[in-house]
PDB file of N, CA and C in Angstrom:
ATOM      1  N   VAL A   1      35.367  50.548  70.758  1.00  0.00           N
ATOM      2  CA  VAL A   1      34.191  51.740  70.732  1.00  0.00           C
ATOM      3  C   VAL A   1      33.623  51.582  69.306  1.00  0.00           C
ATOM      4  N   LEU A   2      34.426  51.389  68.586  1.00  0.00           N
ATOM      5  CA  LEU A   2      34.080  51.515  66.935  1.00  0.00           C
ATOM      6  C   LEU A   2      32.837  49.848  67.150  1.00  0.00           C
ATOM      7  N   GLN A   3      33.239  49.096  67.931  1.00  0.00           N
ATOM      8  CA  GLN A   3      32.488  47.702  67.384  1.00  0.00           C
ATOM      9  C   GLN A   3      30.995  47.687  68.606  1.00  0.00           C
ATOM     10  N   LYS A   4      31.251  48.817  69.586  1.00  0.00           N
ATOM     11  CA  LYS A   4      30.057  49.004  70.518  1.00  0.00           C
ATOM     12  C   LYS A   4      29.332  49.671  69.922  1.00  0.00           C
ATOM     13  N   ALA A   5      29.672  50.753  68.825  1.00  0.00           N
ATOM     14  CA  ALA A   5      28.776  51.899  67.984  1.00  0.00           C
ATOM     15  C   ALA A   5      27.875  50.625  66.880  1.00  0.00           C
ATOM     16  N   VAL A   6      28.732  50.265  66.656  1.00  0.00           N
ATOM     17  CA  VAL A   6      28.175  49.242  65.403  1.00  0.00           C
ATOM     18  C   VAL A   6      27.329  48.498  65.847  1.00  0.00           C
ATOM     19  N   ALA A   7      27.638  47.419  66.763  1.00  0.00           N
ATOM     20  CA  ALA A   7      26.879  46.773  67.836  1.00  0.00           C
ATOM     21  C   ALA A   7      25.183  47.445  68.236  1.00  0.00           C
ATOM     22  N   GLN A   8      25.415  48.545  68.546  1.00  0.00           N
ATOM     23  CA  GLN A   8      24.390  49.534  68.856  1.00  0.00           C
ATOM     24  C   GLN A   8      23.468  50.173  68.045  1.00  0.00           C
ATOM     25  N   THR A   9      24.341  50.244  66.546  1.00  0.00           N
ATOM     26  CA  THR A   9      23.711  50.782  65.521  1.00  0.00           C
ATOM     27  C   THR A   9      22.954  49.450  64.976  1.00  0.00           C
ATOM     28  N   VAL A  10      23.174  48.134  65.074  1.00  0.00           N
ATOM     29  CA  VAL A  10      22.666  47.281  64.247  1.00  0.00           C
ATOM     30  C   VAL A  10      21.536  46.441  65.480  1.00  0.00           C
ATOM     31  N   ASP A  11      21.801  46.758  66.473  1.00  0.00           N
ATOM     32  CA  ASP A  11      20.455  46.325  67.565  1.00  0.00           C
ATOM     33  C   ASP A  11      19.481  47.590  67.337  1.00  0.00           C
ATOM     34  N   GLU A  12      19.766  48.935  66.993  1.00  0.00           N
ATOM     35  CA  GLU A  12      18.833  49.911  66.875  1.00  0.00           C
ATOM     36  C   GLU A  12      17.850  49.470  65.310  1.00  0.00           C
ATOM     37  N   ALA A  13      18.785  49.128  64.278  1.00  0.00           N
ATOM     38  CA  ALA A  13      18.312  48.692  63.064  1.00  0.00           C
ATOM     39  C   ALA A  13      17.437  47.636  63.467  1.00  0.00           C
ATOM     40  N   VAL A  14      17.631  46.793  63.984  1.00  0.00           N
ATOM     41  CA  VAL A  14      16.895  45.224  64.183  1.00  0.00           C
ATOM     42  C   VAL A  14      15.615  45.942  65.315  1.00  0.00           C
ATOM     43  N   GLU A  15      15.911  46.396  66.155  1.00  0.00           N
ATOM     44  CA  GLU A  15      14.389  46.678  66.787  1.00  0.00           C
ATOM     45  C   GLU A  15      13.483  47.878  65.897  1.00  0.00           C
ATOM     46  N   GLN A  16      14.154  48.844  65.193  1.00  0.00           N
ATOM     47  CA  GLN A  16      13.125  49.473  63.837  1.00  0.00           C
ATOM     48  C   GLN A  16      12.625  48.623  63.001  1.00  0.00           C
ATOM     49  N   ALA A  17      13.646  47.366  62.776  1.00  0.00           N
ATOM     50  CA  ALA A  17      12.820  45.974  61.848  1.00  0.00           C
ATOM     51  C   ALA A  17      11.522  45.676  62.489  1.00  0.00           C
ATOM     52  N   MET A  18      11.757  45.166  63.964  1.00  0.00           N
ATOM     53  CA  MET A  18      11.048  44.229  64.482  1.00  0.00           C
ATOM     54  C   MET A  18       9.640  45.113  64.811  1.00  0.00           C
ATOM     55  N   GLN A  19      10.086  46.348  64.801  1.00  0.00           N
ATOM     56  CA  GLN A  19       8.531  47.279  65.014  1.00  0.00           C
ATOM     57  C   GLN A  19       7.972  47.061  63.539  1.00  0.00           C
ATOM     58  N   GLN A  20       8.751  47.300  62.575  1.00  0.00           N
ATOM     59  CA  GLN A  20       7.865  47.185  61.404  1.00  0.00           C
ATOM     60  C   GLN A  20       7.304  46.160  61.143  1.00  0.00           C
ATOM     61  N   VAL A  21       7.684  44.960  61.408  1.00  0.00           N
ATOM     62  CA  VAL A  21       7.431  43.569  61.292  1.00  0.00           C
ATOM     63  C   VAL A  21       6.314  43.098  61.875  1.00  0.00           C
ATOM     64  N   SER A  22       6.403  43.734  63.205  1.00  0.00           N
ATOM     65  CA  SER A  22       5.057  43.434  64.425  1.00  0.00           C
ATOM     66  C   SER A  22       3.968  43.954  63.475  1.00  0.00           C
ATOM     67  N   PRO A  23       3.568  45.009  62.931  1.00  0.00           N
ATOM     68  CA  PRO A  23       2.072  45.132  62.463  1.00  0.00           C
ATOM     69  C   PRO A  23       2.013  44.188  61.202  1.00  0.00           C
ATOM     70  N   LEU A  24       2.980  44.123  60.449  1.00  0.00           N
ATOM     71  CA  LEU A  24       2.767  43.329  59.194  1.00  0.00           C
ATOM     72  C   LEU A  24       2.298  41.793  59.541  1.00  0.00           C
ATOM     73  N   ASP A  25       2.973  41.435  60.477  1.00  0.00           N
ATOM     74  CA  ASP A  25       2.610  40.024  61.266  1.00  0.00           C
ATOM     75  C   ASP A  25       1.279  40.008  61.835  1.00  0.00           C
ATOM     76  N   GLU A  26       0.673  41.004  62.300  1.00  0.00           N
ATOM     77  CA  GLU A  26      -0.686  41.101  63.027  1.00  0.00           C
ATOM     78  C   GLU A  26      -1.513  41.313  61.663  1.00  0.00           C
ATOM     79  N   ARG A  27      -1.307  42.042  60.377  1.00  0.00           N
ATOM     80  CA  ARG A  27      -1.722  42.008  59.242  1.00  0.00           C
ATOM     81  C   ARG A  27      -2.072  40.639  58.441  1.00  0.00           C
ATOM     82  N   LEU A  28      -0.790  40.328  58.598  1.00  0.00           N
ATOM     83  CA  LEU A  28      -0.943  38.914  57.900  1.00  0.00           C
ATOM     84  C   LEU A  28      -1.834  37.940  58.975  1.00  0.00           C
ATOM     85  N   ARG A  29      -1.724  37.867  59.911  1.00  0.00           N
ATOM     86  CA  ARG A  29      -2.449  36.623  61.251  1.00  0.00           C
ATOM     87  C   ARG A  29      -4.046  37.447  60.680  1.00  0.00           C
ATOM     88  N   VAL A  30      -4.554  38.336  60.335  1.00  0.00           N
ATOM     89  CA  VAL A  30      -5.755  39.118  60.171  1.00  0.00           C
ATOM     90  C   VAL A  30      -6.312  38.540  58.896  1.00  0.00           C
ATOM     91  N   ALA A  31      -5.196  38.808  57.646  1.00  0.00           N
ATOM     92  CA  ALA A  31      -5.684  38.152  56.391  1.00  0.00           C
ATOM     93  C   ALA A  31      -5.753  36.870  56.585  1.00  0.00           C
ATOM     94  N   GLU A  32      -5.062  35.744  57.239  1.00  0.00           N
ATOM     95  CA  GLU A  32      -5.191  34.489  57.284  1.00  0.00           C
ATOM     96  C   GLU A  32      -6.414  33.955  57.876  1.00  0.00           C
ATOM     97  N   GLU A  33      -6.918  34.726  59.095  1.00  0.00           N
ATOM     98  CA  GLU A  33      -7.953  34.566  59.598  1.00  0.00           C
ATOM     99  C   GLU A  33      -9.477  34.515  58.600  1.00  0.00           C
ATOM    100  N   GLN A  34      -9.268  35.613  57.640  1.00  0.00           N
ATOM    101  CA  GLN A  34     -10.104  36.327  56.908  1.00  0.00           C
ATOM    102  C   GLN A  34     -10.262  35.085  55.706  1.00  0.00           C
ATOM    103  N   LEU A  35      -9.304  34.732  55.185  1.00  0.00           N
ATOM    104  CA  LEU A  35      -8.985  33.568  54.341  1.00  0.00           C
ATOM    105  C   LEU A  35      -9.618  32.604  54.784  1.00  0.00           C
ATOM    106  N   ALA A  36      -9.458  32.161  56.123  1.00  0.00           N
ATOM    107  CA  ALA A  36     -10.086  30.781  56.337  1.00  0.00           C
ATOM    108  C   ALA A  36     -11.434  31.125  56.457  1.00  0.00           C
ATOM    109  N   GLU A  37     -12.139  32.227  57.254  1.00  0.00           N
ATOM    110  CA  GLU A  37     -13.395  32.370  56.951  1.00  0.00           C
ATOM    111  C   GLU A  37     -13.969  32.079  55.620  1.00  0.00           C
ATOM    112  N   LYS A  38     -13.547  32.573  54.973  1.00  0.00           N
ATOM    113  CA  LYS A  38     -13.707  32.750  53.277  1.00  0.00           C
ATOM    114  C   LYS A  38     -13.568  31.382  52.323  1.00  0.00           C
ATOM    115  N   GLU A  39     -12.804  30.714  53.056  1.00  0.00           N
ATOM    116  CA  GLU A  39     -12.580  29.323  52.524  1.00  0.00           C
ATOM    117  C   GLU A  39     -13.608  28.636  53.056  1.00  0.00           C
ATOM    118  N   ALA A  40     -13.980  28.368  54.543  1.00  0.00           N
ATOM    119  CA  ALA A  40     -15.341  27.936  55.122  1.00  0.00           C
ATOM    120  C   ALA A  40     -16.621  28.341  54.433  1.00  0.00           C
ATOM    121  N   LEU A  41     -16.853  29.775  54.303  1.00  0.00           N
ATOM    122  CA  LEU A  41     -18.187  30.214  53.750  1.00  0.00           C
ATOM    123  C   LEU A  41     -18.088  29.416  51.992  1.00  0.00           C
ATOM    124  N   LEU A  42     -17.103  29.598  51.452  1.00  0.00           N
ATOM    125  CA  LEU A  42     -16.843  28.573  50.295  1.00  0.00           C
ATOM    126  C   LEU A  42     -17.283  27.283  50.232  1.00  0.00           C
ATOM    127  N   ALA A  43     -16.842  26.586  51.369  1.00  0.00           N
ATOM    128  CA  ALA A  43     -17.036  25.471  51.020  1.00  0.00           C
ATOM    129  C   ALA A  43     -18.503  24.825  51.827  1.00  0.00           C
ATOM    130  N   GLN A  44     -19.309  26.003  52.423  1.00  0.00           N
ATOM    131  CA  GLN A  44     -20.675  25.823  52.921  1.00  0.00           C
ATOM    132  C   GLN A  44     -21.450  26.020  51.469  1.00  0.00           C
ATOM    133  N   GLN A  45     -21.148  26.819  50.691  1.00  0.00           N
ATOM    134  CA  GLN A  45     -21.416  27.469  49.716  1.00  0.00           C
ATOM    135  C   GLN A  45     -21.477  26.261  48.753  1.00  0.00           C
ATOM    136  N   HIS A  46     -20.445  25.439  48.687  1.00  0.00           N
ATOM    137  CA  HIS A  46     -19.973  24.365  47.744  1.00  0.00           C
ATOM    138  C   HIS A  46     -20.995  23.382  48.180  1.00  0.00           C
ATOM    139  N   GLN A  47     -21.283  23.294  48.902  1.00  0.00           N
ATOM    140  CA  GLN A  47     -22.222  22.069  49.716  1.00  0.00           C
ATOM    141  C   GLN A  47     -23.678  22.325  49.494  1.00  0.00           C
ATOM    142  N   GLU A  48     -24.488  23.552  49.572  1.00  0.00           N
ATOM    143  CA  GLU A  48     -25.090  24.095  48.968  1.00  0.00           C
ATOM    144  C   GLU A  48     -25.656  23.931  47.657  1.00  0.00           C
ATOM    145  N   VAL A  49     -24.248  24.041  46.688  1.00  0.00           N
ATOM    146  CA  VAL A  49     -24.532  23.971  45.599  1.00  0.00           C
ATOM    147  C   VAL A  49     -24.716  22.588  45.152  1.00  0.00           C
ATOM    148  N   LEU A  50     -24.219  21.808  45.778  1.00  0.00           N
ATOM    149  CA  LEU A  50     -24.278  19.991  45.786  1.00  0.00           C
ATOM    150  C   LEU A  50     -25.573  20.011  46.307  1.00  0.00           C
ATOM    151  N   ARG A  51     -26.117  20.141  47.155  1.00  0.00           N
ATOM    152  CA  ARG A  51     -27.543  19.584  47.735  1.00  0.00           C
ATOM    153  C   ARG A  51     -28.490  20.174  46.193  1.00  0.00           C
ATOM    154  N   SER A  52     -28.313  21.410  46.007  1.00  0.00           N
ATOM    155  CA  SER A  52     -29.757  21.886  45.199  1.00  0.00           C
ATOM    156  C   SER A  52     -29.087  21.312  43.778  1.00  0.00           C
ATOM    157  N   THR A  53     -27.938  20.921  43.448  1.00  0.00           N
ATOM    158  CA  THR A  53     -27.708  19.567  42.186  1.00  0.00           C
ATOM    159  C   THR A  53     -28.784  18.689  41.955  1.00  0.00           C
ATOM    160  N   GLN A  54     -28.627  18.047  43.449  1.00  0.00           N
ATOM    161  CA  GLN A  54     -29.282  16.700  43.786  1.00  0.00           C
ATOM    162  C   GLN A  54     -30.317  16.970  43.548  1.00  0.00           C
ATOM    163  N   GLU A  55     -31.186  18.113  44.140  1.00  0.00           N
ATOM    164  CA  GLU A  55     -32.704  18.384  44.565  1.00  0.00           C
ATOM    165  C   GLU A  55     -32.905  18.399  42.880  1.00  0.00           C
ATOM    166  N   LEU A  56     -32.106  19.242  42.045  1.00  0.00           N
ATOM    167  CA  LEU A  56     -32.814  19.501  40.841  1.00  0.00           C
ATOM    168  C   LEU A  56     -32.822  18.073  39.840  1.00  0.00           C
ATOM    169  N   GLN A  57     -31.938  16.969  40.228  1.00  0.00           N
ATOM    170  CA  GLN A  57     -31.419  16.262  39.391  1.00  0.00           C
ATOM    171  C   GLN A  57     -32.682  15.091  39.808  1.00  0.00           C
ATOM    172  N   GLN A  58     -32.973  15.036  41.126  1.00  0.00           N
ATOM    173  CA  GLN A  58     -34.186  14.489  41.515  1.00  0.00           C
ATOM    174  C   GLN A  58     -35.718  15.028  41.200  1.00  0.00           C
ATOM    175  N   ALA A  59     -35.698  16.098  40.827  1.00  0.00           N
ATOM    176  CA  ALA A  59     -37.014  16.705  40.439  1.00  0.00           C
ATOM    177  C   ALA A  59     -36.518  16.387  38.637  1.00  0.00           C
ATOM    178  N   ARG A  60     -35.491  16.189  38.043  1.00  0.00           N
ATOM    179  CA  ARG A  60     -35.933  15.906  36.719  1.00  0.00           C
ATOM    180  C   ARG A  60     -36.133  14.803  36.724  1.00  0.00           C
ATOM    181  N   LEU A  61     -35.943  13.586  37.429  1.00  0.00           N
ATOM    182  CA  LEU A  61     -36.051  12.335  37.296  1.00  0.00           C
ATOM    183  C   LEU A  61     -37.681  12.502  37.447  1.00  0.00           C
ATOM    184  N   GLN A  62     -38.249  12.885  38.449  1.00  0.00           N
ATOM    185  CA  GLN A  62     -39.443  12.743  38.885  1.00  0.00           C
ATOM    186  C   GLN A  62     -40.425  13.316  37.502  1.00  0.00           C
ATOM    187  N   MET A  63     -39.770  14.598  36.915  1.00  0.00           N
ATOM    188  CA  MET A  63     -40.340  15.105  36.033  1.00  0.00           C
ATOM    189  C   MET A  63     -40.497  13.982  34.420  1.00  0.00           C
ATOM    190  N   GLU A  64     -39.327  13.202  34.416  1.00  0.00           N
ATOM    191  CA  GLU A  64     -39.541  12.493  33.423  1.00  0.00           C
ATOM    192  C   GLU A  64     -40.438  11.177  33.370  1.00  0.00           C
ATOM    193  N   SER A  65     -40.478  10.632  34.772  1.00  0.00           N
ATOM    194  CA  SER A  65     -41.148   9.488  35.177  1.00  0.00           C
ATOM    195  C   SER A  65     -43.138  10.064  35.051  1.00  0.00           C
ATOM    196  N   MET A  66     -42.845  11.422  35.377  1.00  0.00           N
ATOM    197  CA  MET A  66     -44.509  11.557  35.038  1.00  0.00           C
ATOM    198  C   MET A  66     -44.888  12.133  33.516  1.00  0.00           C
ATOM    199  N   GLN A  67     -43.517  12.638  32.752  1.00  0.00           N
ATOM    200  CA  GLN A  67     -44.008  12.447  31.605  1.00  0.00           C
ATOM    201  C   GLN A  67     -44.421  11.263  30.703  1.00  0.00           C
ATOM    202  N   ARG A  68     -43.391  10.115  31.352  1.00  0.00           N
ATOM    203  CA  ARG A  68     -43.651   8.572  30.611  1.00  0.00           C
ATOM    204  C   ARG A  68     -45.051   8.088  31.206  1.00  0.00           C
ATOM    205  N   GLU A  69     -45.475   8.555  32.258  1.00  0.00           N
ATOM    206  CA  GLU A  69     -46.938   8.129  33.013  1.00  0.00           C
ATOM    207  C   GLU A  69     -47.930   8.949  32.097  1.00  0.00           C
ATOM    208  N   ILE A  70     -47.558   9.876  31.637  1.00  0.00           N
ATOM    209  CA  ILE A  70     -48.286  10.981  31.110  1.00  0.00           C
ATOM    210  C   ILE A  70     -48.860  10.307  29.441  1.00  0.00           C
ATOM    211  N   SER A  71     -47.622   9.836  28.952  1.00  0.00           N
ATOM    212  CA  SER A  71     -47.367   9.119  27.639  1.00  0.00           C
ATOM    213  C   SER A  71     -48.331   8.025  27.559  1.00  0.00           C
ATOM    214  N   SER A  72     -48.002   7.069  28.538  1.00  0.00           N
ATOM    215  CA  SER A  72     -48.918   5.935  28.988  1.00  0.00           C
ATOM    216  C   SER A  72     -50.360   5.857  28.837  1.00  0.00           C
ATOM    217  N   LEU A  73     -50.643   7.084  29.474  1.00  0.00           N
ATOM    218  CA  LEU A  73     -52.043   7.418  29.844  1.00  0.00           C
ATOM    219  C   LEU A  73     -52.981   7.983  28.514  1.00  0.00           C
ATOM    220  N   ARG A  74     -52.126   8.559  27.776  1.00  0.00           N
ATOM    221  CA  ARG A  74     -52.484   9.090  26.490  1.00  0.00           C
ATOM    222  C   ARG A  74     -52.447   7.992  25.577  1.00  0.00           C
ATOM    223  N   GLN A  75     -51.669   6.836  25.530  1.00  0.00           N
ATOM    224  CA  GLN A  75     -51.692   5.474  24.511  1.00  0.00           C
ATOM    225  C   GLN A  75     -53.014   5.433  25.169  1.00  0.00           C
ATOM    226  N   ALA A  76     -53.223   4.783  26.321  1.00  0.00           N
ATOM    227  CA  ALA A  76     -54.303   3.754  26.892  1.00  0.00           C
ATOM    228  C   ALA A  76     -55.413   4.846  26.369  1.00  0.00           C
ATOM    229  N   GLU A  77     -55.520   5.879  26.475  1.00  0.00           N
ATOM    230  CA  GLU A  77     -57.130   6.923  26.029  1.00  0.00           C
ATOM    231  C   GLU A  77     -57.280   6.710  24.724  1.00  0.00           C
ATOM    232  N   ARG A  78     -56.126   6.610  23.890  1.00  0.00           N
ATOM    233  CA  ARG A  78     -56.445   6.411  22.189  1.00  0.00           C
ATOM    234  C   ARG A  78     -56.672   5.102  22.376  1.00  0.00           C
ATOM    235  N   GLN A  79     -56.628   4.036  23.143  1.00  0.00           N
ATOM    236  CA  GLN A  79     -56.865   2.595  22.702  1.00  0.00           C
ATOM    237  C   GLN A  79     -58.162   2.263  23.299  1.00  0.00           C
ATOM    238  N   ALA A  80     -58.507   3.235  24.353  1.00  0.00           N
ATOM    239  CA  ALA A  80     -59.620   3.161  24.766  1.00  0.00           C
ATOM    240  C   ALA A  80     -60.807   3.890  24.021  1.00  0.00           C
ATOM    241  N   ALA A  81     -60.281   4.820  22.978  1.00  0.00           N
ATOM    242  CA  ALA A  81     -61.194   5.488  21.810  1.00  0.00           C
ATOM    243  C   ALA A  81     -61.403   4.443  20.786  1.00  0.00           C
ATOM    244  N   VAL A  82     -60.514   3.715  20.463  1.00  0.00           N
ATOM    245  CA  VAL A  82     -60.362   2.794  19.404  1.00  0.00           C
ATOM    246  C   VAL A  82     -61.452   1.735  19.782  1.00  0.00           C
ATOM    247  N   ALA A  83     -61.013   1.195  20.849  1.00  0.00           N
ATOM    248  CA  ALA A  83     -61.828   0.234  21.210  1.00  0.00           C
ATOM    249  C   ALA A  83     -63.628   0.708  21.209  1.00  0.00           C
ATOM    250  N   LYS A  84     -63.879   1.968  21.926  1.00  0.00           N
ATOM    251  CA  LYS A  84     -65.418   2.358  21.855  1.00  0.00           C
ATOM    252  C   LYS A  84     -65.765   2.357  20.786  1.00  0.00           C
ATOM    253  N   SER A  85     -64.915   2.557  19.704  1.00  0.00           N
ATOM    254  CA  SER A  85     -65.160   2.970  18.532  1.00  0.00           C
ATOM    255  C   SER A  85     -65.834   1.447  17.693  1.00  0.00           C
ATOM    256  N   GLU A  86     -64.860   0.663  17.886  1.00  0.00           N
ATOM    257  CA  GLU A  86     -65.180  -0.473  17.369  1.00  0.00           C
ATOM    258  C   GLU A  86     -66.285  -1.354  17.925  1.00  0.00           C
ATOM    259  N   SER A  87     -66.674  -0.725  19.216  1.00  0.00           N
ATOM    260  CA  SER A  87     -67.273  -1.394  20.068  1.00  0.00           C
ATOM    261  C   SER A  87     -69.169  -0.829  19.776  1.00  0.00           C
ATOM    262  N   ALA A  88     -68.905   0.330  19.077  1.00  0.00           N
ATOM    263  CA  ALA A  88     -70.067   0.908  18.893  1.00  0.00           C
ATOM    264  C   ALA A  88     -70.515   0.491  17.409  1.00  0.00           C
ATOM    265  N   ALA A  89     -69.245   0.171  16.441  1.00  0.00           N
ATOM    266  CA  ALA A  89     -69.887  -0.030  15.392  1.00  0.00           C
ATOM    267  C   ALA A  89     -69.784  -1.664  15.347  1.00  0.00           C
ATOM    268  N   GLN A  90     -69.781  -2.410  16.395  1.00  0.00           N
ATOM    269  CA  GLN A  90     -70.197  -3.994  16.559  1.00  0.00           C
ATOM    270  C   GLN A  90     -71.585  -3.982  17.045  1.00  0.00           C
ATOM    271  N   ALA A  91     -71.723  -3.032  18.132  1.00  0.00           N
ATOM    272  CA  ALA A  91     -73.169  -2.625  18.491  1.00  0.00           C
ATOM    273  C   ALA A  91     -74.239  -2.317  17.236  1.00  0.00           C
ATOM    274  N   LYS A  92     -73.967  -1.777  16.424  1.00  0.00           N
ATOM    275  CA  LYS A  92     -74.840  -1.043  15.094  1.00  0.00           C
ATOM    276  C   LYS A  92     -74.859  -2.328  14.259  1.00  0.00           C
ATOM    277  N   LEU A  93     -73.929  -2.901  13.787  1.00  0.00           N
ATOM    278  CA  LEU A  93     -73.620  -4.122  13.054  1.00  0.00           C
ATOM    279  C   LEU A  93     -74.894  -5.443  13.793  1.00  0.00           C
ATOM    280  N   ILE A  94     -74.855  -5.326  14.885  1.00  0.00           N
ATOM    281  CA  ILE A  94     -75.623  -6.263  15.710  1.00  0.00           C
ATOM    282  C   ILE A  94     -76.995  -6.079  15.609  1.00  0.00           C
ATOM    283  N   GLU A  95     -77.476  -4.599  15.788  1.00  0.00           N
ATOM    284  CA  GLU A  95     -78.659  -4.167  15.541  1.00  0.00           C
ATOM    285  C   GLU A  95     -79.137  -4.020  14.253  1.00  0.00           C
ATOM    286  N   GLU A  96     -78.534  -3.785  12.876  1.00  0.00           N
ATOM    287  CA  GLU A  96     -78.512  -4.397  11.689  1.00  0.00           C
ATOM    288  C   GLU A  96     -78.887  -6.039  11.286  1.00  0.00           C
ATOM    289  N   LEU A  97     -77.934  -6.669  11.819  1.00  0.00           N
ATOM    290  CA  LEU A  97     -78.400  -7.874  11.634  1.00  0.00           C
ATOM    291  C   LEU A  97     -79.515  -8.489  12.594  1.00  0.00           C
ATOM    292  N   LYS A  98     -80.130  -7.935  13.694  1.00  0.00           N
ATOM    293  CA  LYS A  98     -81.017  -7.845  14.549  1.00  0.00           C
ATOM    294  C   LYS A  98     -82.223  -7.827  13.407  1.00  0.00           C
ATOM    295  N   ALA A  99     -82.417  -6.364  13.119  1.00  0.00           N
ATOM    296  CA  ALA A  99     -83.377  -6.131  12.133  1.00  0.00           C
ATOM    297  C   ALA A  99     -83.929  -6.720  11.140  1.00  0.00           C
ATOM    298  N   LYS A 100     -82.572  -7.311  10.225  1.00  0.00           N
ATOM    299  CA  LYS A 100     -82.373  -8.068   9.074  1.00  0.00           C
ATOM    300  C   LYS A 100     -83.610  -9.756   9.604  1.00  0.00           C
ATOM    301  N   LEU A 101     -82.674 -10.099  10.445  1.00  0.00           N
ATOM    302  CA  LEU A 101     -83.448 -11.248  11.307  1.00  0.00           C
ATOM    303  C   LEU A 101     -85.020 -11.223  11.458  1.00  0.00           C
ATOM    304  N   GLU A 102     -85.181  -9.969  12.088  1.00  0.00           N
ATOM    305  CA  GLU A 102     -86.718  -9.820  12.400  1.00  0.00           C
ATOM    306  C   GLU A 102     -87.311  -9.592  11.257  1.00  0.00           C
ATOM    307  N   GLY A 103     -87.092  -8.934  10.285  1.00  0.00           N
ATOM    308  CA  GLY A 103     -87.654  -8.428   8.900  1.00  0.00           C
ATOM    309  C   GLY A 103     -87.940 -10.027   8.108  1.00  0.00           C
ATOM    310  N   SER A 104     -86.499 -10.840   8.092  1.00  0.00           N
ATOM    311  CA  SER A 104     -86.775 -12.432   7.429  1.00  0.00           C
ATOM    312  C   SER A 104     -87.680 -13.262   8.156  1.00  0.00           C
ATOM    313  N   SER A 105     -87.872 -13.101   9.269  1.00  0.00           N
ATOM    314  CA  SER A 105     -88.739 -13.842  10.150  1.00  0.00           C
ATOM    315  C   SER A 105     -90.231 -13.425  10.353  1.00  0.00           C
ATOM    316  N   LEU A 106     -90.270 -12.294   9.891  1.00  0.00           N
ATOM    317  CA  LEU A 106     -91.719 -11.982   9.562  1.00  0.00           C
ATOM    318  C   LEU A 106     -92.167 -12.352   8.636  1.00  0.00           C
ATOM    319  N   SER A 107     -91.193 -11.995   7.026  1.00  0.00           N
ATOM    320  CA  SER A 107     -91.680 -12.554   5.883  1.00  0.00           C
ATOM    321  C   SER A 107     -91.586 -14.151   5.857  1.00  0.00           C
ATOM    322  N   ASP A 108     -91.517 -14.324   6.589  1.00  0.00           N
ATOM    323  CA  ASP A 108     -91.150 -16.118   6.625  1.00  0.00           C
ATOM    324  C   ASP A 108     -92.525 -16.689   7.104  1.00  0.00           C
ATOM    325  N   GLN A 109     -93.171 -16.003   8.105  1.00  0.00           N
ATOM    326  CA  GLN A 109     -94.381 -16.292   8.915  1.00  0.00           C
ATOM    327  C   GLN A 109     -95.351 -15.840   7.981  1.00  0.00           C
ATOM    328  N   SER A 110     -95.068 -15.214   7.384  1.00  0.00           N
ATOM    329  CA  SER A 110     -96.226 -14.965   6.118  1.00  0.00           C
ATOM    330  C   SER A 110     -96.191 -15.548   4.877  1.00  0.00           C
ATOM    331  N   HIS A 111     -95.333 -16.187   4.588  1.00  0.00           N
ATOM    332  CA  HIS A 111     -95.136 -17.241   3.653  1.00  0.00           C
ATOM    333  C   HIS A 111     -95.953 -18.396   4.548  1.00  0.00           C
ATOM    334  N   LEU A 112     -96.206 -18.613   5.403  1.00  0.00           N
ATOM    335  CA  LEU A 112     -96.274 -19.771   6.247  1.00  0.00           C
ATOM    336  C   LEU A 112     -97.782 -19.707   6.490  1.00  0.00           C
ATOM    337  N   GLU A 113     -98.615 -18.231   6.528  1.00  0.00           N
ATOM    338  CA  GLU A 113     -99.885 -17.963   6.896  1.00  0.00           C
ATOM    339  C   GLU A 113    -100.869 -17.946   6.073  1.00  0.00           C
ATOM    340  N   VAL A 114    -100.026 -17.887   4.656  1.00  0.00           N
ATOM    341  CA  VAL A 114    -100.533 -18.018   3.407  1.00  0.00           C
ATOM    342  C   VAL A 114    -101.056 -19.508   2.820  1.00  0.00           C
TER     343      VAL A 114
END
């Protein structure tokens, strides 16, 4: 009789424990599902961050390329300004030489006419 009572008490205790564990199992399952969803979202956000980082790196490379091009254009502009200045100086020198030559040829002609 004692064994039967003990066995029944143990069975009841096990049944109560199982009733308490069942909701805990459900809560654990829900928590695991939520964790899986959050992990998937985190993985998606990580991919977006990687993509954005790549886009930023590409934009930085393009900007650096444009800066080099601008620098090159400015150097060419400076060289063109120097060449223009030198050309203007040479043109002025040529005009001065022409004027001197015309002046000397006029004076040569006047000597010849006399």
